[in-house]
N, C-alpha and C. Protein backbone atom coordinates (compact mmCIF):
# COMPACT_ATOMS: atom_id res chain seq x y z
N UNK A 1 148.31 75.35 143.07
CA UNK A 1 148.53 75.96 144.37
C UNK A 1 147.45 77.00 144.67
N UNK A 2 147.13 77.82 143.66
CA UNK A 2 146.12 78.86 143.85
C UNK A 2 144.75 78.23 144.12
N UNK A 3 144.45 77.10 143.45
CA UNK A 3 143.17 76.42 143.66
C UNK A 3 143.07 75.89 145.09
N UNK A 4 144.16 75.43 145.65
CA UNK A 4 144.17 74.91 147.02
C UNK A 4 143.88 76.02 148.03
N UNK A 5 144.44 77.21 147.80
CA UNK A 5 144.22 78.34 148.70
C UNK A 5 142.75 78.76 148.64
N UNK A 6 142.17 78.82 147.45
CA UNK A 6 140.76 79.17 147.28
C UNK A 6 139.87 78.14 147.97
N UNK A 7 140.19 76.86 147.81
CA UNK A 7 139.43 75.78 148.45
C UNK A 7 139.48 75.92 149.97
N UNK A 8 140.67 76.17 150.52
CA UNK A 8 140.82 76.33 151.97
C UNK A 8 140.04 77.56 152.47
N UNK A 9 140.06 78.63 151.68
CA UNK A 9 139.32 79.83 152.06
C UNK A 9 137.82 79.53 152.14
N UNK A 10 137.28 78.85 151.12
CA UNK A 10 135.86 78.49 151.13
C UNK A 10 135.51 77.57 152.30
N UNK A 11 136.38 76.64 152.60
CA UNK A 11 136.15 75.75 153.75
C UNK A 11 136.13 76.55 155.05
N UNK A 12 137.04 77.50 155.18
CA UNK A 12 137.11 78.34 156.37
C UNK A 12 135.82 79.16 156.52
N UNK A 13 135.35 79.75 155.42
CA UNK A 13 134.12 80.54 155.45
C UNK A 13 132.93 79.66 155.83
N UNK A 14 132.85 78.44 155.28
CA UNK A 14 131.75 77.53 155.62
C UNK A 14 131.77 77.16 157.10
N UNK A 15 132.96 76.92 157.64
CA UNK A 15 133.08 76.58 159.06
C UNK A 15 132.62 77.77 159.92
N UNK A 16 133.01 78.96 159.55
CA UNK A 16 132.57 80.16 160.29
C UNK A 16 131.05 80.32 160.24
N UNK A 17 130.47 80.15 159.06
CA UNK A 17 129.02 80.26 158.92
C UNK A 17 128.30 79.22 159.76
N UNK A 18 128.79 77.99 159.74
CA UNK A 18 128.19 76.92 160.52
C UNK A 18 128.28 77.22 162.02
N UNK A 19 129.45 77.67 162.46
CA UNK A 19 129.63 78.00 163.88
C UNK A 19 128.71 79.15 164.29
N UNK A 20 128.56 80.13 163.43
CA UNK A 20 127.68 81.25 163.73
C UNK A 20 126.22 80.79 163.80
N UNK A 21 125.81 79.94 162.89
CA UNK A 21 124.43 79.44 162.88
C UNK A 21 124.12 78.66 164.14
N UNK A 22 125.06 77.86 164.63
CA UNK A 22 124.84 77.07 165.84
C UNK A 22 124.77 77.96 167.07
N UNK A 23 125.66 78.96 167.15
CA UNK A 23 125.71 79.79 168.35
C UNK A 23 124.73 80.94 168.34
N UNK A 24 124.15 81.22 167.19
CA UNK A 24 123.24 82.35 167.08
C UNK A 24 121.91 82.06 167.76
N UNK A 25 121.37 83.05 168.45
CA UNK A 25 120.06 82.86 169.07
C UNK A 25 118.95 82.91 168.04
N UNK A 26 119.20 83.56 166.92
CA UNK A 26 118.20 83.56 165.85
C UNK A 26 118.57 82.48 164.86
N UNK A 27 117.80 81.43 164.87
CA UNK A 27 118.08 80.27 164.04
C UNK A 27 117.67 80.53 162.59
N UNK A 28 118.29 79.79 161.69
CA UNK A 28 117.93 79.85 160.28
C UNK A 28 116.51 79.33 160.11
N UNK A 29 116.16 78.28 160.86
CA UNK A 29 114.81 77.72 160.85
C UNK A 29 114.05 78.34 162.01
N UNK A 30 112.95 79.05 161.75
CA UNK A 30 112.24 79.69 162.86
C UNK A 30 111.68 78.64 163.81
N UNK A 31 111.80 78.93 165.11
CA UNK A 31 111.33 78.01 166.14
C UNK A 31 109.86 78.27 166.42
N UNK A 32 109.07 77.22 166.46
CA UNK A 32 107.66 77.34 166.79
C UNK A 32 107.54 77.31 168.31
N UNK A 33 106.93 78.32 168.85
CA UNK A 33 106.72 78.38 170.29
C UNK A 33 105.42 77.67 170.65
N UNK A 34 105.45 76.95 171.75
CA UNK A 34 104.28 76.25 172.26
C UNK A 34 103.81 76.94 173.53
N UNK A 35 102.50 76.94 173.75
CA UNK A 35 101.93 77.64 174.89
C UNK A 35 101.04 76.68 175.68
N UNK A 36 101.20 76.74 176.99
CA UNK A 36 100.32 76.01 177.90
C UNK A 36 99.67 77.04 178.80
N UNK A 37 98.34 77.01 178.88
CA UNK A 37 97.61 77.91 179.76
C UNK A 37 96.78 77.05 180.71
N UNK A 38 96.82 77.42 181.98
CA UNK A 38 96.03 76.74 183.00
C UNK A 38 95.09 77.77 183.61
N UNK A 39 93.79 77.46 183.62
CA UNK A 39 92.78 78.37 184.16
C UNK A 39 92.07 77.71 185.33
N UNK A 40 91.96 78.44 186.43
CA UNK A 40 91.22 77.95 187.60
C UNK A 40 89.76 78.33 187.41
N UNK A 41 88.91 77.35 187.17
CA UNK A 41 87.48 77.59 186.97
C UNK A 41 86.66 77.18 188.20
N UNK A 42 87.33 77.10 189.36
CA UNK A 42 86.61 76.85 190.62
C UNK A 42 85.79 78.09 190.96
N UNK A 43 84.72 77.88 191.73
CA UNK A 43 83.89 79.02 192.13
C UNK A 43 84.58 79.88 193.18
N UNK A 44 85.22 79.22 194.16
CA UNK A 44 85.83 80.02 195.24
C UNK A 44 87.02 79.34 195.90
N UNK A 45 87.72 78.45 195.21
CA UNK A 45 88.84 77.73 195.82
C UNK A 45 90.10 77.90 194.97
N UNK A 46 91.22 78.20 195.64
CA UNK A 46 92.49 78.16 194.93
C UNK A 46 92.99 76.72 194.88
N UNK A 47 93.93 76.46 194.02
CA UNK A 47 94.62 75.17 194.03
C UNK A 47 96.12 75.41 193.85
N UNK A 48 96.90 74.45 194.30
CA UNK A 48 98.35 74.51 194.17
C UNK A 48 98.77 73.64 193.00
N UNK A 49 99.89 74.00 192.39
CA UNK A 49 100.40 73.20 191.28
C UNK A 49 101.90 73.38 191.14
N UNK A 50 102.51 72.41 190.51
CA UNK A 50 103.95 72.42 190.26
C UNK A 50 104.18 71.79 188.89
N UNK A 51 104.71 72.57 187.95
CA UNK A 51 104.95 72.09 186.59
C UNK A 51 106.44 72.04 186.31
N UNK A 52 106.84 71.01 185.56
CA UNK A 52 108.24 70.89 185.20
C UNK A 52 108.41 69.98 183.99
N UNK A 53 109.56 70.14 183.34
CA UNK A 53 109.96 69.26 182.25
C UNK A 53 111.28 68.61 182.67
N UNK A 54 111.89 67.94 181.75
CA UNK A 54 113.19 67.35 182.04
C UNK A 54 114.23 68.44 182.34
N UNK A 55 114.11 69.57 181.64
CA UNK A 55 115.11 70.64 181.75
C UNK A 55 114.68 71.83 182.58
N UNK A 56 113.38 72.05 182.73
CA UNK A 56 112.89 73.27 183.37
C UNK A 56 111.92 72.95 184.50
N UNK A 57 112.20 73.50 185.68
CA UNK A 57 111.30 73.40 186.82
C UNK A 57 110.65 74.77 187.00
N UNK A 58 109.35 74.86 186.79
CA UNK A 58 108.66 76.14 186.82
C UNK A 58 108.20 76.53 188.23
N UNK A 59 108.49 75.70 189.20
CA UNK A 59 108.24 76.04 190.59
C UNK A 59 106.84 75.73 191.09
N UNK A 60 106.69 75.83 192.41
CA UNK A 60 105.40 75.64 193.07
C UNK A 60 104.62 76.94 193.02
N UNK A 61 103.34 76.85 192.71
CA UNK A 61 102.52 78.05 192.56
C UNK A 61 101.11 77.77 193.09
N UNK A 62 100.37 78.86 193.30
CA UNK A 62 98.96 78.78 193.67
C UNK A 62 98.17 79.61 192.67
N UNK A 63 97.08 79.05 192.18
CA UNK A 63 96.23 79.76 191.24
C UNK A 63 94.88 80.03 191.90
N UNK A 64 94.54 81.30 192.00
CA UNK A 64 93.29 81.73 192.63
C UNK A 64 92.11 81.50 191.67
N UNK A 65 90.88 81.46 192.19
CA UNK A 65 89.70 81.27 191.33
C UNK A 65 89.65 82.31 190.21
N UNK A 66 89.33 81.81 189.01
CA UNK A 66 89.19 82.62 187.79
C UNK A 66 90.51 83.21 187.27
N UNK A 67 91.63 82.86 187.87
CA UNK A 67 92.93 83.31 187.37
C UNK A 67 93.47 82.33 186.33
N UNK A 68 94.40 82.83 185.53
CA UNK A 68 95.09 82.02 184.52
C UNK A 68 96.58 82.15 184.71
N UNK A 69 97.29 81.13 184.28
CA UNK A 69 98.75 81.15 184.26
C UNK A 69 99.18 80.49 182.97
N UNK A 70 100.16 81.09 182.29
CA UNK A 70 100.59 80.57 181.00
C UNK A 70 102.10 80.57 180.91
N UNK A 71 102.64 79.56 180.24
CA UNK A 71 104.07 79.56 179.94
C UNK A 71 104.29 79.16 178.49
N UNK A 72 105.42 79.58 177.96
CA UNK A 72 105.77 79.36 176.56
C UNK A 72 107.12 78.67 176.51
N UNK A 73 107.28 77.78 175.53
CA UNK A 73 108.54 77.05 175.41
C UNK A 73 108.74 76.62 173.96
N UNK A 74 109.98 76.29 173.65
CA UNK A 74 110.33 75.70 172.36
C UNK A 74 110.65 74.24 172.56
N UNK A 75 110.60 73.47 171.49
CA UNK A 75 110.88 72.05 171.58
C UNK A 75 112.38 71.78 171.54
N UNK A 76 112.80 70.75 172.22
CA UNK A 76 114.20 70.34 172.23
C UNK A 76 114.49 69.48 171.02
N UNK A 77 115.63 69.71 170.41
CA UNK A 77 116.06 68.87 169.28
C UNK A 77 116.74 67.60 169.78
N UNK A 78 117.18 67.60 171.04
CA UNK A 78 117.96 66.48 171.56
C UNK A 78 117.11 65.35 172.13
N UNK A 79 115.98 65.69 172.74
CA UNK A 79 115.12 64.67 173.34
C UNK A 79 113.68 65.17 173.34
N UNK A 80 112.71 64.26 173.45
CA UNK A 80 111.29 64.67 173.43
C UNK A 80 110.98 65.64 174.58
N UNK A 81 110.20 66.65 174.28
CA UNK A 81 109.79 67.63 175.28
C UNK A 81 108.44 67.22 175.85
N UNK A 82 108.31 67.34 177.15
CA UNK A 82 107.02 67.15 177.82
C UNK A 82 107.01 68.04 179.05
N UNK A 83 105.85 68.46 179.48
CA UNK A 83 105.69 69.17 180.73
C UNK A 83 104.65 68.43 181.55
N UNK A 84 105.01 68.12 182.78
CA UNK A 84 104.18 67.38 183.71
C UNK A 84 103.82 68.32 184.85
N UNK A 85 102.57 68.26 185.31
CA UNK A 85 102.15 69.11 186.43
C UNK A 85 101.48 68.27 187.51
N UNK A 86 101.76 68.64 188.73
CA UNK A 86 101.11 68.06 189.91
C UNK A 86 100.15 69.13 190.43
N UNK A 87 98.88 68.77 190.62
CA UNK A 87 97.85 69.69 191.10
C UNK A 87 97.32 69.17 192.43
N UNK A 88 96.98 70.09 193.34
CA UNK A 88 96.37 69.67 194.60
C UNK A 88 95.50 70.79 195.18
N UNK A 89 94.43 70.37 195.86
CA UNK A 89 93.62 71.26 196.67
C UNK A 89 92.92 70.38 197.70
N UNK A 90 92.76 70.94 198.91
CA UNK A 90 92.20 70.20 200.02
C UNK A 90 92.88 68.83 200.10
N UNK A 91 92.12 67.72 199.99
CA UNK A 91 92.74 66.39 200.05
C UNK A 91 92.78 65.71 198.67
N UNK A 92 92.53 66.48 197.61
CA UNK A 92 92.54 65.93 196.26
C UNK A 92 93.84 66.29 195.54
N UNK A 93 94.22 65.43 194.59
CA UNK A 93 95.42 65.71 193.79
C UNK A 93 95.30 65.01 192.43
N UNK A 94 96.19 65.39 191.54
CA UNK A 94 96.27 64.76 190.23
C UNK A 94 97.60 65.14 189.59
N UNK A 95 98.18 64.22 188.84
CA UNK A 95 99.43 64.46 188.13
C UNK A 95 99.30 63.94 186.71
N UNK A 96 99.69 64.76 185.74
CA UNK A 96 99.62 64.34 184.34
C UNK A 96 100.43 65.30 183.47
N UNK A 97 100.65 64.91 182.23
CA UNK A 97 101.35 65.75 181.27
C UNK A 97 100.39 66.80 180.72
N UNK A 98 100.78 68.07 180.83
CA UNK A 98 99.99 69.14 180.24
C UNK A 98 100.46 69.44 178.81
N UNK A 99 101.65 68.93 178.47
CA UNK A 99 102.14 68.96 177.09
C UNK A 99 102.97 67.70 176.87
N UNK A 100 102.72 67.02 175.76
CA UNK A 100 103.52 65.87 175.34
C UNK A 100 103.36 65.71 173.83
N UNK A 101 104.17 64.87 173.25
CA UNK A 101 104.05 64.57 171.82
C UNK A 101 102.67 64.01 171.49
N UNK A 102 102.19 63.13 172.38
CA UNK A 102 100.87 62.53 172.18
C UNK A 102 99.79 63.62 172.12
N UNK A 103 99.81 64.55 173.10
CA UNK A 103 98.81 65.62 173.12
C UNK A 103 98.92 66.50 171.89
N UNK A 104 100.15 66.77 171.45
CA UNK A 104 100.35 67.59 170.25
C UNK A 104 99.72 66.93 169.03
N UNK A 105 99.88 65.61 168.91
CA UNK A 105 99.26 64.89 167.79
C UNK A 105 97.74 64.87 167.93
N UNK A 106 97.28 64.69 169.14
CA UNK A 106 95.84 64.59 169.38
C UNK A 106 95.13 65.93 169.14
N UNK A 107 95.69 66.99 169.70
CA UNK A 107 95.06 68.30 169.64
C UNK A 107 95.42 69.03 168.36
N UNK A 108 96.67 68.88 167.91
CA UNK A 108 97.14 69.65 166.77
C UNK A 108 97.45 71.07 167.22
N UNK A 109 98.30 71.74 166.50
CA UNK A 109 98.64 73.12 166.86
C UNK A 109 99.66 73.20 167.97
N UNK A 110 99.80 74.40 168.51
CA UNK A 110 100.84 74.64 169.50
C UNK A 110 100.29 75.28 170.78
N UNK A 111 98.97 75.29 170.94
CA UNK A 111 98.36 75.89 172.12
C UNK A 111 97.58 74.83 172.89
N UNK A 112 97.86 74.77 174.21
CA UNK A 112 97.26 73.77 175.07
C UNK A 112 96.61 74.49 176.24
N UNK A 113 95.29 74.66 176.15
CA UNK A 113 94.54 75.43 177.12
C UNK A 113 93.78 74.49 178.05
N UNK A 114 94.24 74.43 179.30
CA UNK A 114 93.65 73.57 180.32
C UNK A 114 92.72 74.39 181.21
N UNK A 115 91.55 73.84 181.50
CA UNK A 115 90.62 74.43 182.46
C UNK A 115 90.47 73.44 183.61
N UNK A 116 90.73 73.94 184.82
CA UNK A 116 90.65 73.09 186.01
C UNK A 116 89.33 73.38 186.71
N UNK A 117 88.55 72.33 186.93
CA UNK A 117 87.25 72.44 187.59
C UNK A 117 87.18 71.44 188.73
N UNK A 118 86.15 71.54 189.53
CA UNK A 118 86.01 70.64 190.67
C UNK A 118 85.78 69.20 190.23
N UNK A 119 85.26 68.98 189.03
CA UNK A 119 85.02 67.61 188.56
C UNK A 119 86.15 67.08 187.67
N UNK A 120 87.19 67.89 187.41
CA UNK A 120 88.32 67.38 186.62
C UNK A 120 89.03 68.43 185.80
N UNK A 121 89.81 67.93 184.85
CA UNK A 121 90.70 68.75 184.03
C UNK A 121 90.28 68.64 182.57
N UNK A 122 90.07 69.78 181.96
CA UNK A 122 89.59 69.84 180.58
C UNK A 122 90.65 70.50 179.69
N UNK A 123 90.83 69.93 178.52
CA UNK A 123 91.74 70.50 177.52
C UNK A 123 90.91 70.95 176.32
N UNK A 124 91.16 72.19 175.87
CA UNK A 124 90.44 72.67 174.70
C UNK A 124 90.94 71.92 173.47
N UNK A 125 90.02 71.36 172.72
CA UNK A 125 90.33 70.56 171.54
C UNK A 125 89.85 71.34 170.31
N UNK A 126 90.77 72.03 169.58
CA UNK A 126 90.34 72.87 168.46
C UNK A 126 89.66 72.11 167.33
N UNK A 127 90.02 70.86 167.13
CA UNK A 127 89.36 70.08 166.07
C UNK A 127 87.88 69.85 166.39
N UNK A 128 87.56 69.72 167.69
CA UNK A 128 86.17 69.52 168.12
C UNK A 128 85.48 70.84 168.47
N UNK A 129 86.28 71.88 168.72
CA UNK A 129 85.72 73.18 169.08
C UNK A 129 85.16 73.25 170.48
N UNK A 130 85.68 72.42 171.39
CA UNK A 130 85.16 72.42 172.77
C UNK A 130 86.21 71.85 173.72
N UNK A 131 85.96 72.02 175.01
CA UNK A 131 86.80 71.41 176.04
C UNK A 131 86.46 69.94 176.19
N UNK A 132 87.49 69.12 176.38
CA UNK A 132 87.32 67.69 176.57
C UNK A 132 87.92 67.30 177.92
N UNK A 133 87.14 66.59 178.73
CA UNK A 133 87.61 66.15 180.04
C UNK A 133 88.60 65.01 179.87
N UNK A 134 89.84 65.21 180.38
CA UNK A 134 90.89 64.19 180.23
C UNK A 134 91.36 63.58 181.54
N UNK A 135 91.19 64.30 182.65
CA UNK A 135 91.70 63.80 183.93
C UNK A 135 90.71 64.17 185.04
N UNK A 136 90.80 63.44 186.15
CA UNK A 136 89.96 63.71 187.32
C UNK A 136 90.84 63.88 188.56
N UNK A 137 90.27 64.46 189.58
CA UNK A 137 90.92 64.56 190.89
C UNK A 137 90.85 63.21 191.58
N UNK A 138 91.87 62.86 192.34
CA UNK A 138 91.86 61.62 193.13
C UNK A 138 92.00 61.97 194.61
N UNK A 139 91.42 61.12 195.46
CA UNK A 139 91.54 61.31 196.92
C UNK A 139 92.90 60.94 197.40
């Protein structure tokens, strides 16, 4: 009888610990934060953009020449995380993922630094030590 009470007590404590770990904002496993930075490298033109994921809509914004905008996020355990952005200026536009599993494997690390220029979109590639052109503007 005494062994059964001790067993039930240990089970109760384990359930409490598990519930606390799930509901706690500080996880037992530290979460790696990912960063996306977008820099307007135009000489004198702003551009508009709208970034979103499956769960988060970061809204419509305008980035002035030589300005930067950055956001930080953690990965979802339930489904793959990606962030897609729509860019436009004058009559040009482009839409692509600024963060995806593919880009994470390609670039490595957790920082994704995009530079937007009049001839296209460049992502800093730390393995190569330089910006690589990945996308272009379309009419």
